[in-house]
Amino acid sequence: MSSDAADLAGRLRRGLVPAVPVPWRKDSGLDEVALAGYVRWMARQPVAGVAVGVHTGRGRHLAPADRRRVLAAWRNGLPERVIVAGAWDEASAVEAREGGADAILAFPCRDDPLAYHERLARQLPVILFYLYEAAGGVAWPMASLRQLLALRGVLGIKVATLDSVMTFQDIASVMRDVPDKLLITGEDRFLGYSLLLGAEAALIGMGAALPDLQAGLLRARFDQDWGRFVQLTGLCDDFARATFRAPMEGYVRRMLWAAAADGAIPPDACEDPWGPALPPHERDAVEQVVRRARSARD
């Protein structure tokens, strides 16, 4: 592993990296005032950094100018923490580097993934992304995964299978053979169990709200504070069930609702123009679970 990748792996280890959504208004688009407030709010949270322009942040849908504004806001507001930017080709990787990102989360690629990740790694250290196929991911064979992990510019892998515990178990087994590379959980729906399987960090959309709850779960696991771990796992699982559910593309809007309920963004900056419309009772359910979690946390 390159020295830059090794340094970043160390900074991320045992840390929470929320994949942050973009505050958006129906009639005016990106809400830069709300974004600035969200950045200030997140800077007070116990996070190792944030991931911008990834699936939760609708990076591939944003206009380039908006994407650059979002990256600049997070880079300037969290100067000492890790900024991970989504990338899907060499141009977006260059954009991430020029915008001050520390690492790339590589959108999955089916065609010649080895060459694809090598190209991205010329710009910044890369986090592989094993994403379930229904969300646009690629089910790499374990032999291909081993080849990708051997690249010097790869610092680790984020695994988001949604509900395939067996796949996560298989990848965790592969990762035990490459202890210098970081296994990063993206499993909102079984966060606690993924940590028990060997994940050493979390990069999750759920972290967009209640991040102190999830950071506390990571801390309890690594401190082996099992009573606290069980308690926080229950709260995080309740939160995930309310937000990561069918239709799955609705999770971005639900996370914006959750962030608003947690006081991170205004309640009217929760539009997701690229996701499905959701009924009002779903927002009520999300707000209720945030209130319950906040009450238990406080």
C-alpha atoms as a PDB file:
ATOM      1  CA  MET A   1       0.000   0.000   0.000  1.00  0.00           C
ATOM      2  CA  SER A   2       1.272   3.486  -0.808  1.00  0.00           C
ATOM      3  CA  SER A   3       2.252   5.749   2.081  1.00  0.00           C
ATOM      4  CA  ASP A   4      -0.647   8.138   1.356  1.00  0.00           C
ATOM      5  CA  ALA A   5      -3.143   5.277   1.391  1.00  0.00           C
ATOM      6  CA  ALA A   6      -1.641   3.853   4.595  1.00  0.00           C
ATOM      7  CA  ASP A   7      -1.850   7.249   6.312  1.00  0.00           C
ATOM      8  CA  LEU A   8      -5.504   7.641   5.375  1.00  0.00           C
ATOM      9  CA  ALA A   9      -6.337   4.118   6.498  1.00  0.00           C
ATOM     10  CA  GLY A  10      -4.910   5.005   9.885  1.00  0.00           C
ATOM     11  CA  ARG A  11      -6.966   8.189  10.099  1.00  0.00           C
ATOM     12  CA  LEU A  12     -10.152   6.321   9.209  1.00  0.00           C
ATOM     13  CA  ARG A  13      -9.635   3.275  11.423  1.00  0.00           C
ATOM     14  CA  ARG A  14     -12.322   2.991  14.134  1.00  0.00           C
ATOM     15  CA  GLY A  15     -14.042   6.065  12.730  1.00  0.00           C
ATOM     16  CA  LEU A  16     -17.455   7.008  11.356  1.00  0.00           C
ATOM     17  CA  VAL A  17     -17.695   8.665   7.933  1.00  0.00           C
ATOM     18  CA  PRO A  18     -21.238   9.846   7.159  1.00  0.00           C
ATOM     19  CA  ALA A  19     -22.216   9.837   3.491  1.00  0.00           C
ATOM     20  CA  VAL A  20     -23.875  13.229   3.492  1.00  0.00           C
ATOM     21  CA  PRO A  21     -26.913  14.210   1.386  1.00  0.00           C
ATOM     22  CA  VAL A  22     -27.352  17.629  -0.236  1.00  0.00           C
ATOM     23  CA  PRO A  23     -29.880  20.097   1.219  1.00  0.00           C
ATOM     24  CA  TRP A  24     -32.155  20.854  -1.704  1.00  0.00           C
ATOM     25  CA  ARG A  25     -35.236  22.973  -2.239  1.00  0.00           C
ATOM     26  CA  LYS A  26     -37.931  22.125  -4.752  1.00  0.00           C
ATOM     27  CA  ASP A  27     -37.968  25.504  -6.506  1.00  0.00           C
ATOM     28  CA  SER A  28     -34.398  26.775  -6.081  1.00  0.00           C
ATOM     29  CA  GLY A  29     -32.132  23.708  -6.020  1.00  0.00           C
ATOM     30  CA  LEU A  30     -29.018  23.500  -3.865  1.00  0.00           C
ATOM     31  CA  ASP A  31     -29.531  25.402  -0.611  1.00  0.00           C
ATOM     32  CA  GLU A  32     -26.085  26.795   0.114  1.00  0.00           C
ATOM     33  CA  VAL A  33     -27.160  28.423   3.390  1.00  0.00           C
ATOM     34  CA  ALA A  34     -28.563  25.119   4.642  1.00  0.00           C
ATOM     35  CA  LEU A  35     -25.420  23.348   3.429  1.00  0.00           C
ATOM     36  CA  ALA A  36     -23.192  25.750   5.371  1.00  0.00           C
ATOM     37  CA  GLY A  37     -25.260  25.136   8.503  1.00  0.00           C
ATOM     38  CA  TYR A  38     -25.098  21.377   7.984  1.00  0.00           C
ATOM     39  CA  VAL A  39     -21.315  21.546   7.696  1.00  0.00           C
ATOM     40  CA  ARG A  40     -21.067  23.525  10.953  1.00  0.00           C
ATOM     41  CA  TRP A  41     -23.378  21.021  12.661  1.00  0.00           C
ATOM     42  CA  MET A  42     -21.386  18.019  11.438  1.00  0.00           C
ATOM     43  CA  ALA A  43     -18.098  19.647  12.507  1.00  0.00           C
ATOM     44  CA  ARG A  44     -19.350  19.355  16.102  1.00  0.00           C
ATOM     45  CA  GLN A  45     -19.979  15.609  15.745  1.00  0.00           C
ATOM     46  CA  PRO A  46     -17.514  12.788  16.580  1.00  0.00           C
ATOM     47  CA  VAL A  47     -16.842  11.816  12.964  1.00  0.00           C
ATOM     48  CA  ALA A  48     -13.585  10.904  11.231  1.00  0.00           C
ATOM     49  CA  GLY A  49     -14.729  12.733   8.110  1.00  0.00           C
ATOM     50  CA  VAL A  50     -17.515  12.744   5.536  1.00  0.00           C
ATOM     51  CA  ALA A  51     -18.162  11.254   2.101  1.00  0.00           C
ATOM     52  CA  VAL A  52     -19.483  13.753  -0.454  1.00  0.00           C
ATOM     53  CA  GLY A  53     -20.836  13.230  -3.940  1.00  0.00           C
ATOM     54  CA  VAL A  54     -21.426   9.527  -3.382  1.00  0.00           C
ATOM     55  CA  HIS A  55     -24.813   7.818  -3.817  1.00  0.00           C
ATOM     56  CA  THR A  56     -26.352   9.580  -0.803  1.00  0.00           C
ATOM     57  CA  GLY A  57     -25.044  12.914  -2.056  1.00  0.00           C
ATOM     58  CA  ARG A  58     -26.334  12.281  -5.609  1.00  0.00           C
ATOM     59  CA  GLY A  59     -22.879  13.016  -7.011  1.00  0.00           C
ATOM     60  CA  ARG A  60     -23.513  11.639 -10.489  1.00  0.00           C
ATOM     61  CA  HIS A  61     -26.719  13.683 -10.802  1.00  0.00           C
ATOM     62  CA  LEU A  62     -25.449  17.049  -9.607  1.00  0.00           C
ATOM     63  CA  ALA A  63     -24.323  19.655 -12.105  1.00  0.00           C
ATOM     64  CA  PRO A  64     -20.517  19.984 -11.985  1.00  0.00           C
ATOM     65  CA  ALA A  65     -20.729  23.491 -10.502  1.00  0.00           C
ATOM     66  CA  ASP A  66     -23.000  22.272  -7.690  1.00  0.00           C
ATOM     67  CA  ARG A  67     -20.748  19.279  -7.084  1.00  0.00           C
ATOM     68  CA  ARG A  68     -17.740  21.573  -6.704  1.00  0.00           C
ATOM     69  CA  ARG A  69     -19.646  23.874  -4.324  1.00  0.00           C
ATOM     70  CA  VAL A  70     -20.605  20.941  -2.127  1.00  0.00           C
ATOM     71  CA  LEU A  71     -17.045  19.596  -1.995  1.00  0.00           C
ATOM     72  CA  ALA A  72     -15.625  23.050  -1.243  1.00  0.00           C
ATOM     73  CA  ALA A  73     -18.106  23.597   1.602  1.00  0.00           C
ATOM     74  CA  TRP A  74     -17.154  20.344   3.315  1.00  0.00           C
ATOM     75  CA  ARG A  75     -13.427  20.732   2.672  1.00  0.00           C
ATOM     76  CA  ASN A  76     -13.365  24.248   4.117  1.00  0.00           C
ATOM     77  CA  GLY A  77     -15.610  23.373   7.043  1.00  0.00           C
ATOM     78  CA  LEU A  78     -13.779  20.184   8.108  1.00  0.00           C
ATOM     79  CA  PRO A  79     -10.135  21.094   7.428  1.00  0.00           C
ATOM     80  CA  GLU A  80      -8.638  18.478   9.759  1.00  0.00           C
ATOM     81  CA  ARG A  81     -10.871  15.546   8.847  1.00  0.00           C
ATOM     82  CA  VAL A  82     -10.952  13.124   5.974  1.00  0.00           C
ATOM     83  CA  ILE A  83     -12.992  14.077   2.927  1.00  0.00           C
ATOM     84  CA  VAL A  84     -13.925  11.155   0.676  1.00  0.00           C
ATOM     85  CA  ALA A  85     -15.377  12.074  -2.722  1.00  0.00           C
ATOM     86  CA  GLY A  86     -17.295   9.847  -5.092  1.00  0.00           C
ATOM     87  CA  ALA A  87     -15.684   9.229  -8.499  1.00  0.00           C
ATOM     88  CA  TRP A  88     -16.769   7.238 -11.534  1.00  0.00           C
ATOM     89  CA  ASP A  89     -14.182   8.185 -14.159  1.00  0.00           C
ATOM     90  CA  GLU A  90     -10.849   9.954 -14.457  1.00  0.00           C
ATOM     91  CA  ALA A  91     -12.445  13.389 -14.860  1.00  0.00           C
ATOM     92  CA  SER A  92     -14.423  13.094 -11.635  1.00  0.00           C
ATOM     93  CA  ALA A  93     -11.297  11.815  -9.862  1.00  0.00           C
ATOM     94  CA  VAL A  94      -9.353  14.866 -11.042  1.00  0.00           C
ATOM     95  CA  GLU A  95     -12.218  17.063  -9.861  1.00  0.00           C
ATOM     96  CA  ALA A  96     -12.043  15.401  -6.437  1.00  0.00           C
ATOM     97  CA  ARG A  97      -8.280  15.934  -6.162  1.00  0.00           C
ATOM     98  CA  GLU A  98      -8.444  19.545  -7.295  1.00  0.00           C
ATOM     99  CA  GLY A  99     -11.273  20.175  -4.832  1.00  0.00           C
ATOM    100  CA  GLY A 100      -9.157  19.023  -1.907  1.00  0.00           C
ATOM    101  CA  ALA A 101     -10.577  15.550  -1.265  1.00  0.00           C
ATOM    102  CA  ASP A 102      -8.300  13.113   0.549  1.00  0.00           C
ATOM    103  CA  ALA A 103      -9.604   9.900  -1.003  1.00  0.00           C
ATOM    104  CA  ILE A 104     -11.980   8.540  -3.620  1.00  0.00           C
ATOM    105  CA  LEU A 105     -14.875   6.154  -3.154  1.00  0.00           C
ATOM    106  CA  ALA A 106     -14.909   4.465  -6.563  1.00  0.00           C
ATOM    107  CA  PHE A 107     -18.353   3.842  -8.029  1.00  0.00           C
ATOM    108  CA  PRO A 108     -18.493   0.207  -9.164  1.00  0.00           C
ATOM    109  CA  CYS A 109     -17.298  -0.576 -12.696  1.00  0.00           C
ATOM    110  CA  ARG A 110     -18.019  -3.803 -14.581  1.00  0.00           C
ATOM    111  CA  ASP A 111     -15.606  -3.297 -17.512  1.00  0.00           C
ATOM    112  CA  ASP A 112     -11.939  -3.999 -16.723  1.00  0.00           C
ATOM    113  CA  PRO A 113     -12.199  -3.002 -13.053  1.00  0.00           C
ATOM    114  CA  LEU A 114      -8.453  -3.421 -12.485  1.00  0.00           C
ATOM    115  CA  ALA A 115      -7.512  -0.781 -15.068  1.00  0.00           C
ATOM    116  CA  TYR A 116     -10.367   1.459 -13.923  1.00  0.00           C
ATOM    117  CA  HIS A 117      -9.186   1.512 -10.304  1.00  0.00           C
ATOM    118  CA  GLU A 118      -5.576   1.963 -11.364  1.00  0.00           C
ATOM    119  CA  ARG A 119      -6.584   5.108 -13.277  1.00  0.00           C
ATOM    120  CA  LEU A 120      -8.460   6.529 -10.298  1.00  0.00           C
ATOM    121  CA  ALA A 121      -5.576   5.740  -7.948  1.00  0.00           C
ATOM    122  CA  ARG A 122      -3.298   7.997 -10.016  1.00  0.00           C
ATOM    123  CA  GLN A 123      -5.276  10.903  -8.590  1.00  0.00           C
ATOM    124  CA  LEU A 124      -6.000   9.931  -4.966  1.00  0.00           C
ATOM    125  CA  PRO A 125      -6.032   6.886  -2.684  1.00  0.00           C
ATOM    126  CA  VAL A 126      -9.020   4.712  -3.530  1.00  0.00           C
ATOM    127  CA  ILE A 127     -11.666   2.968  -1.461  1.00  0.00           C
ATOM    128  CA  LEU A 128     -13.186   0.068  -3.406  1.00  0.00           C
ATOM    129  CA  PHE A 129     -16.979  -0.125  -3.316  1.00  0.00           C
ATOM    130  CA  TYR A 130     -18.706  -3.522  -3.200  1.00  0.00           C
ATOM    131  CA  LEU A 131     -22.335  -2.493  -3.751  1.00  0.00           C
ATOM    132  CA  TYR A 132     -25.348  -4.749  -4.152  1.00  0.00           C
ATOM    133  CA  GLU A 133     -26.343  -5.148  -7.788  1.00  0.00           C
ATOM    134  CA  ALA A 134     -29.867  -3.709  -7.518  1.00  0.00           C
ATOM    135  CA  ALA A 135     -28.252  -0.351  -6.666  1.00  0.00           C
ATOM    136  CA  GLY A 136     -25.856  -0.507  -9.604  1.00  0.00           C
ATOM    137  CA  GLY A 137     -23.109  -2.535  -7.980  1.00  0.00           C
ATOM    138  CA  VAL A 138     -20.981  -5.363  -9.339  1.00  0.00           C
ATOM    139  CA  ALA A 139     -20.699  -8.781  -7.706  1.00  0.00           C
ATOM    140  CA  TRP A 140     -16.961  -9.287  -8.139  1.00  0.00           C
ATOM    141  CA  PRO A 141     -15.702 -12.843  -7.662  1.00  0.00           C
ATOM    142  CA  MET A 142     -13.467 -13.155  -4.607  1.00  0.00           C
ATOM    143  CA  ALA A 143     -10.441 -13.764  -6.884  1.00  0.00           C
ATOM    144  CA  SER A 144     -11.042 -10.424  -8.622  1.00  0.00           C
ATOM    145  CA  LEU A 145     -11.497  -8.732  -5.274  1.00  0.00           C
ATOM    146  CA  ARG A 146      -8.100 -10.003  -4.148  1.00  0.00           C
ATOM    147  CA  GLN A 147      -6.510  -8.505  -7.287  1.00  0.00           C
ATOM    148  CA  LEU A 148      -8.121  -5.144  -6.639  1.00  0.00           C
ATOM    149  CA  LEU A 149      -7.053  -5.136  -3.000  1.00  0.00           C
ATOM    150  CA  ALA A 150      -3.467  -5.749  -4.105  1.00  0.00           C
ATOM    151  CA  LEU A 151      -3.309  -2.367  -5.879  1.00  0.00           C
ATOM    152  CA  ARG A 152      -0.931  -0.003  -4.041  1.00  0.00           C
ATOM    153  CA  GLY A 153      -3.310   2.931  -4.251  1.00  0.00           C
ATOM    154  CA  VAL A 154      -6.221   1.049  -2.655  1.00  0.00           C
ATOM    155  CA  LEU A 155      -6.575   1.664   1.074  1.00  0.00           C
ATOM    156  CA  GLY A 156      -9.564  -0.605   1.659  1.00  0.00           C
ATOM    157  CA  ILE A 157     -13.095  -1.496   0.660  1.00  0.00           C
ATOM    158  CA  LYS A 158     -16.555  -0.302   1.599  1.00  0.00           C
ATOM    159  CA  VAL A 159     -19.061  -3.159   1.575  1.00  0.00           C
ATOM    160  CA  ALA A 160     -22.778  -2.439   1.179  1.00  0.00           C
ATOM    161  CA  THR A 161     -24.694  -5.621   0.411  1.00  0.00           C
ATOM    162  CA  LEU A 162     -27.972  -4.384   1.998  1.00  0.00           C
ATOM    163  CA  ASP A 163     -29.087  -7.812   3.205  1.00  0.00           C
ATOM    164  CA  SER A 164     -26.550 -10.445   2.116  1.00  0.00           C
ATOM    165  CA  VAL A 165     -24.861 -11.383   5.361  1.00  0.00           C
ATOM    166  CA  MET A 166     -23.152 -14.302   3.617  1.00  0.00           C
ATOM    167  CA  THR A 167     -21.487 -11.974   1.110  1.00  0.00           C
ATOM    168  CA  PHE A 168     -20.237  -9.725   3.887  1.00  0.00           C
ATOM    169  CA  GLN A 169     -18.905 -12.772   5.734  1.00  0.00           C
ATOM    170  CA  ASP A 170     -17.043 -13.922   2.610  1.00  0.00           C
ATOM    171  CA  ILE A 171     -15.469 -10.509   2.034  1.00  0.00           C
ATOM    172  CA  ALA A 172     -14.523 -10.237   5.710  1.00  0.00           C
ATOM    173  CA  SER A 173     -12.733 -13.564   5.356  1.00  0.00           C
ATOM    174  CA  VAL A 174     -10.768 -12.248   2.349  1.00  0.00           C
ATOM    175  CA  MET A 175      -9.853  -9.107   4.283  1.00  0.00           C
ATOM    176  CA  ARG A 176      -8.223 -11.124   7.047  1.00  0.00           C
ATOM    177  CA  ASP A 177      -5.526 -12.017   4.513  1.00  0.00           C
ATOM    178  CA  VAL A 178      -4.748  -8.331   3.829  1.00  0.00           C
ATOM    179  CA  PRO A 179      -4.572  -6.777   7.300  1.00  0.00           C
ATOM    180  CA  ASP A 180      -3.057  -3.539   6.014  1.00  0.00           C
ATOM    181  CA  LYS A 181      -6.232  -2.819   4.007  1.00  0.00           C
ATOM    182  CA  LEU A 182      -9.308  -1.429   5.724  1.00  0.00           C
ATOM    183  CA  LEU A 183     -12.669  -3.205   5.817  1.00  0.00           C
ATOM    184  CA  ILE A 184     -15.252  -0.403   5.925  1.00  0.00           C
ATOM    185  CA  THR A 185     -18.848  -1.274   6.595  1.00  0.00           C
ATOM    186  CA  GLY A 186     -21.597   0.330   4.546  1.00  0.00           C
ATOM    187  CA  GLU A 187     -24.211  -1.931   6.105  1.00  0.00           C
ATOM    188  CA  ASP A 188     -26.804   0.381   7.623  1.00  0.00           C
ATOM    189  CA  ARG A 189     -29.205  -2.508   8.168  1.00  0.00           C
ATOM    190  CA  PHE A 190     -26.755  -4.680  10.141  1.00  0.00           C
ATOM    191  CA  LEU A 191     -24.198  -2.186  11.358  1.00  0.00           C
ATOM    192  CA  GLY A 192     -23.456  -3.811  14.693  1.00  0.00           C
ATOM    193  CA  TYR A 193     -23.010  -7.297  13.273  1.00  0.00           C
ATOM    194  CA  SER A 194     -20.740  -6.022  10.490  1.00  0.00           C
ATOM    195  CA  LEU A 195     -18.460  -4.548  13.154  1.00  0.00           C
ATOM    196  CA  LEU A 196     -18.347  -7.890  14.917  1.00  0.00           C
ATOM    197  CA  LEU A 197     -17.346  -9.527  11.624  1.00  0.00           C
ATOM    198  CA  GLY A 198     -14.243  -7.345  11.415  1.00  0.00           C
ATOM    199  CA  ALA A 199     -15.187  -3.979   9.931  1.00  0.00           C
ATOM    200  CA  GLU A 200     -12.812  -1.349  11.302  1.00  0.00           C
ATOM    201  CA  ALA A 201     -14.662   1.765  10.138  1.00  0.00           C
ATOM    202  CA  ALA A 202     -18.102   2.778   8.863  1.00  0.00           C
ATOM    203  CA  LEU A 203     -19.022   4.838   5.798  1.00  0.00           C
ATOM    204  CA  ILE A 204     -22.793   4.955   5.884  1.00  0.00           C
ATOM    205  CA  GLY A 205     -25.668   7.090   4.698  1.00  0.00           C
ATOM    206  CA  MET A 206     -27.320   6.598   8.076  1.00  0.00           C
ATOM    207  CA  GLY A 207     -24.561   8.775   9.558  1.00  0.00           C
ATOM    208  CA  ALA A 208     -26.152  11.832   7.931  1.00  0.00           C
ATOM    209  CA  ALA A 209     -28.251  12.069  11.107  1.00  0.00           C
ATOM    210  CA  LEU A 210     -27.631  10.896  14.682  1.00  0.00           C
ATOM    211  CA  PRO A 211     -23.894  10.449  13.956  1.00  0.00           C
ATOM    212  CA  ASP A 212     -22.966  10.554  17.639  1.00  0.00           C
ATOM    213  CA  LEU A 213     -25.166   7.493  18.171  1.00  0.00           C
ATOM    214  CA  GLN A 214     -23.332   5.529  15.487  1.00  0.00           C
ATOM    215  CA  ALA A 215     -19.886   6.783  16.506  1.00  0.00           C
ATOM    216  CA  GLY A 216     -20.749   5.632  20.013  1.00  0.00           C
ATOM    217  CA  LEU A 217     -21.581   2.185  18.646  1.00  0.00           C
ATOM    218  CA  LEU A 218     -18.158   1.949  16.997  1.00  0.00           C
ATOM    219  CA  ARG A 219     -16.465   3.112  20.180  1.00  0.00           C
ATOM    220  CA  ALA A 220     -18.370   0.578  22.283  1.00  0.00           C
ATOM    221  CA  ARG A 221     -17.369  -2.236  19.952  1.00  0.00           C
ATOM    222  CA  PHE A 222     -13.656  -1.383  19.990  1.00  0.00           C
ATOM    223  CA  ASP A 223     -13.687  -0.695  23.747  1.00  0.00           C
ATOM    224  CA  GLN A 224     -15.518  -4.009  24.200  1.00  0.00           C
ATOM    225  CA  ASP A 225     -18.203  -2.232  26.193  1.00  0.00           C
ATOM    226  CA  TRP A 226     -20.733  -4.909  25.320  1.00  0.00           C
ATOM    227  CA  GLY A 227     -23.673  -3.603  27.323  1.00  0.00           C
ATOM    228  CA  ARG A 228     -23.436  -0.237  25.577  1.00  0.00           C
ATOM    229  CA  PHE A 229     -22.846  -1.990  22.252  1.00  0.00           C
ATOM    230  CA  VAL A 230     -26.082  -3.987  22.552  1.00  0.00           C
ATOM    231  CA  GLN A 231     -28.051  -0.888  23.561  1.00  0.00           C
ATOM    232  CA  LEU A 232     -26.744   1.232  20.683  1.00  0.00           C
ATOM    233  CA  THR A 233     -27.165  -1.596  18.178  1.00  0.00           C
ATOM    234  CA  GLY A 234     -30.861  -1.685  19.025  1.00  0.00           C
ATOM    235  CA  LEU A 235     -31.229   2.068  18.524  1.00  0.00           C
ATOM    236  CA  CYS A 236     -29.278   2.055  15.251  1.00  0.00           C
ATOM    237  CA  ASP A 237     -31.262  -0.909  13.947  1.00  0.00           C
ATOM    238  CA  ASP A 238     -34.545   0.899  14.689  1.00  0.00           C
ATOM    239  CA  PHE A 239     -33.274   3.963  12.844  1.00  0.00           C
ATOM    240  CA  ALA A 240     -32.100   1.910   9.857  1.00  0.00           C
ATOM    241  CA  ARG A 241     -35.426   0.094   9.552  1.00  0.00           C
ATOM    242  CA  ALA A 242     -37.235   3.429   9.310  1.00  0.00           C
ATOM    243  CA  THR A 243     -34.891   4.893   6.700  1.00  0.00           C
ATOM    244  CA  PHE A 244     -33.438   2.026   4.626  1.00  0.00           C
ATOM    245  CA  ARG A 245     -36.564   0.335   3.350  1.00  0.00           C
ATOM    246  CA  ALA A 246     -38.479  -0.101   0.110  1.00  0.00           C
ATOM    247  CA  PRO A 247     -38.432   1.783  -2.124  1.00  0.00           C
ATOM    248  CA  MET A 248     -34.706   1.802  -1.426  1.00  0.00           C
ATOM    249  CA  GLU A 249     -33.996   4.894  -3.548  1.00  0.00           C
ATOM    250  CA  GLY A 250     -36.221   6.738  -1.106  1.00  0.00           C
ATOM    251  CA  TYR A 251     -33.549   6.451   1.572  1.00  0.00           C
ATOM    252  CA  VAL A 252     -31.916   9.745   0.464  1.00  0.00           C
ATOM    253  CA  ARG A 253     -35.099  11.717   1.077  1.00  0.00           C
ATOM    254  CA  ARG A 254     -35.610   9.868   4.366  1.00  0.00           C
ATOM    255  CA  MET A 255     -32.094  10.752   5.476  1.00  0.00           C
ATOM    256  CA  LEU A 256     -32.743  14.411   4.665  1.00  0.00           C
ATOM    257  CA  TRP A 257     -35.891  14.198   6.796  1.00  0.00           C
ATOM    258  CA  ALA A 258     -33.875  12.579   9.577  1.00  0.00           C
ATOM    259  CA  ALA A 259     -31.190  15.269   9.386  1.00  0.00           C
ATOM    260  CA  ALA A 260     -33.891  17.929   9.665  1.00  0.00           C
ATOM    261  CA  ALA A 261     -35.460  16.140  12.636  1.00  0.00           C
ATOM    262  CA  ASP A 262     -32.032  16.046  14.284  1.00  0.00           C
ATOM    263  CA  GLY A 263     -31.623  19.807  13.855  1.00  0.00           C
ATOM    264  CA  ALA A 264     -28.941  19.615  11.172  1.00  0.00           C
ATOM    265  CA  ILE A 265     -30.802  21.228   8.243  1.00  0.00           C
ATOM    266  CA  PRO A 266     -34.048  23.220   7.789  1.00  0.00           C
ATOM    267  CA  PRO A 267     -37.198  21.132   7.424  1.00  0.00           C
ATOM    268  CA  ASP A 268     -37.942  22.637   3.992  1.00  0.00           C
ATOM    269  CA  ALA A 269     -34.520  21.788   2.484  1.00  0.00           C
ATOM    270  CA  CYS A 270     -35.300  18.081   2.146  1.00  0.00           C
ATOM    271  CA  GLU A 271     -36.142  17.680  -1.527  1.00  0.00           C
ATOM    272  CA  ASP A 272     -34.569  14.821  -3.495  1.00  0.00           C
ATOM    273  CA  PRO A 273     -35.414  15.424  -7.162  1.00  0.00           C
ATOM    274  CA  TRP A 274     -33.823  12.129  -8.246  1.00  0.00           C
ATOM    275  CA  GLY A 275     -35.645   9.862  -5.807  1.00  0.00           C
ATOM    276  CA  PRO A 276     -39.223   8.593  -5.611  1.00  0.00           C
ATOM    277  CA  ALA A 277     -42.032  10.571  -4.038  1.00  0.00           C
ATOM    278  CA  LEU A 278     -42.922   9.295  -0.575  1.00  0.00           C
ATOM    279  CA  PRO A 279     -46.157   9.658   1.420  1.00  0.00           C
ATOM    280  CA  PRO A 280     -46.269  12.089   4.384  1.00  0.00           C
ATOM    281  CA  HIS A 281     -46.732   9.294   6.920  1.00  0.00           C
ATOM    282  CA  GLU A 282     -43.212   8.076   6.111  1.00  0.00           C
ATOM    283  CA  ARG A 283     -41.782  11.408   7.206  1.00  0.00           C
ATOM    284  CA  ASP A 284     -43.763  11.131  10.421  1.00  0.00           C
ATOM    285  CA  ALA A 285     -42.265   7.694  11.053  1.00  0.00           C
ATOM    286  CA  VAL A 286     -38.719   8.929  10.412  1.00  0.00           C
ATOM    287  CA  GLU A 287     -39.180  11.912  12.712  1.00  0.00           C
ATOM    288  CA  GLN A 288     -40.580   9.679  15.451  1.00  0.00           C
ATOM    289  CA  VAL A 289     -37.637   7.280  15.354  1.00  0.00           C
ATOM    290  CA  VAL A 290     -35.187  10.201  15.483  1.00  0.00           C
ATOM    291  CA  ARG A 291     -36.991  11.614  18.512  1.00  0.00           C
ATOM    292  CA  ARG A 292     -36.913   8.212  20.251  1.00  0.00           C
ATOM    293  CA  ALA A 293     -33.225   7.792  19.521  1.00  0.00           C
ATOM    294  CA  ARG A 294     -32.439  11.314  20.672  1.00  0.00           C
ATOM    295  CA  SER A 295     -34.369  10.745  23.888  1.00  0.00           C
ATOM    296  CA  ALA A 296     -32.487   7.516  24.595  1.00  0.00           C
ATOM    297  CA  ARG A 297     -29.177   9.161  23.665  1.00  0.00           C
ATOM    298  CA  ASP A 298     -29.774  12.174  25.912  1.00  0.00           C
END
